[in-house]
């Protein structure tokens, strides 16, 4: 079962934000490569979101509490503008009106 609204929109927005953030990290490392901290941030970012495409397709098996915990774990480890959990929650709140 495909994720219903507003969860589909929330997951897609998280993927968008994470993709933009990953692209920014790539550009930062373009001339001198990524340092260890940036490499860890990129790996943690991908770890936080890598299951989302499968969850979207099999929403009935989604543990939303675990999904939120994964997004929060990235946000807690890295002080970035990505705000993955906040993004997820904002879309849910906005589309639930």
Protein backbone atom coordinates (compact mmCIF):
# COMPACT_ATOMS: atom_id res chain seq x y z
CA UNK A 1 0.00 0.00 0.00
CA UNK A 2 1.36 3.39 -1.00
CA UNK A 3 1.74 5.87 1.84
CA UNK A 4 -1.46 7.91 2.19
CA UNK A 5 -1.56 11.67 2.45
CA UNK A 6 -0.23 13.52 4.36
CA UNK A 7 2.54 10.96 4.98
CA UNK A 8 3.46 10.69 1.30
CA UNK A 9 3.96 14.44 1.01
CA UNK A 10 5.92 14.54 4.27
CA UNK A 11 8.27 11.74 3.17
CA UNK A 12 8.80 13.30 -0.25
CA UNK A 13 9.62 16.67 1.29
CA UNK A 14 12.15 15.02 3.63
CA UNK A 15 13.78 13.32 0.63
CA UNK A 16 13.90 16.65 -1.19
CA UNK A 17 15.51 18.44 1.77
CA UNK A 18 18.01 15.64 2.30
CA UNK A 19 18.94 15.64 -1.39
CA UNK A 20 19.56 19.37 -1.39
CA UNK A 21 21.65 19.05 1.76
CA UNK A 22 23.70 16.19 0.26
CA UNK A 23 24.27 18.29 -2.86
CA UNK A 24 25.51 21.19 -0.72
CA UNK A 25 27.95 18.90 1.08
CA UNK A 26 29.21 17.70 -2.29
CA UNK A 27 29.81 21.23 -3.47
CA UNK A 28 31.67 22.04 -0.25
CA UNK A 29 34.06 19.18 -0.95
CA UNK A 30 34.44 19.94 -4.64
CA UNK A 31 37.86 21.56 -4.44
CA UNK A 32 39.50 19.93 -1.43
CA UNK A 33 37.40 16.88 -0.75
CA UNK A 34 35.24 16.29 2.29
CA UNK A 35 36.81 16.26 5.72
CA UNK A 36 36.00 13.51 8.21
CA UNK A 37 33.16 15.51 9.80
CA UNK A 38 31.51 16.23 6.46
CA UNK A 39 31.88 12.62 5.38
CA UNK A 40 30.22 11.47 8.61
CA UNK A 41 27.43 14.00 8.10
CA UNK A 42 26.78 12.74 4.57
CA UNK A 43 26.79 9.10 5.70
CA UNK A 44 24.44 9.89 8.61
CA UNK A 45 22.14 11.83 6.29
CA UNK A 46 21.84 8.91 3.91
CA UNK A 47 21.41 6.52 6.84
CA UNK A 48 18.48 8.62 8.08
CA UNK A 49 16.61 8.54 4.76
CA UNK A 50 17.66 5.44 2.84
CA UNK A 51 14.58 3.43 3.85
CA UNK A 52 12.03 6.11 2.98
CA UNK A 53 11.46 5.04 -0.66
CA UNK A 54 10.63 1.51 0.47
CA UNK A 55 8.45 2.75 3.31
CA UNK A 56 6.48 4.92 0.91
CA UNK A 57 5.71 1.81 -1.16
CA UNK A 58 4.89 -0.41 1.84
CA UNK A 59 3.35 2.01 4.29
CA UNK A 60 1.41 -0.69 6.10
CA UNK A 61 4.76 -2.01 7.42
CA UNK A 62 6.11 1.41 8.38
CA UNK A 63 7.07 1.94 12.00
CA UNK A 64 6.48 5.68 12.01
CA UNK A 65 7.99 6.04 15.47
CA UNK A 66 11.23 4.52 14.16
CA UNK A 67 11.13 6.75 11.07
CA UNK A 68 10.80 9.82 13.28
CA UNK A 69 13.63 8.56 15.51
CA UNK A 70 15.93 8.15 12.48
CA UNK A 71 15.20 11.67 11.30
CA UNK A 72 15.66 13.06 14.80
CA UNK A 73 18.95 11.19 15.22
CA UNK A 74 20.41 12.99 12.20
CA UNK A 75 19.09 16.35 13.37
CA UNK A 76 20.53 15.82 16.85
CA UNK A 77 23.96 14.79 15.54
CA UNK A 78 24.27 17.58 12.99
CA UNK A 79 23.23 21.18 13.48
CA UNK A 80 22.13 21.87 9.92
CA UNK A 81 19.37 23.69 8.13
CA UNK A 82 18.02 20.38 6.85
CA UNK A 83 15.78 19.83 9.91
CA UNK A 84 14.50 16.47 8.71
CA UNK A 85 12.13 15.72 11.58
CA UNK A 86 10.83 19.29 11.66
CA UNK A 87 10.23 19.10 7.90
CA UNK A 88 8.30 15.85 8.27
CA UNK A 89 6.17 17.24 11.09
CA UNK A 90 5.54 20.59 9.38
CA UNK A 91 4.21 18.91 6.25
CA UNK A 92 2.01 16.61 8.31
CA UNK A 93 0.63 19.59 10.23
CA UNK A 94 0.15 21.69 7.10
CA UNK A 95 -1.66 19.03 5.11
CA UNK A 96 -3.76 17.82 8.05
CA UNK A 97 -5.61 21.16 8.22
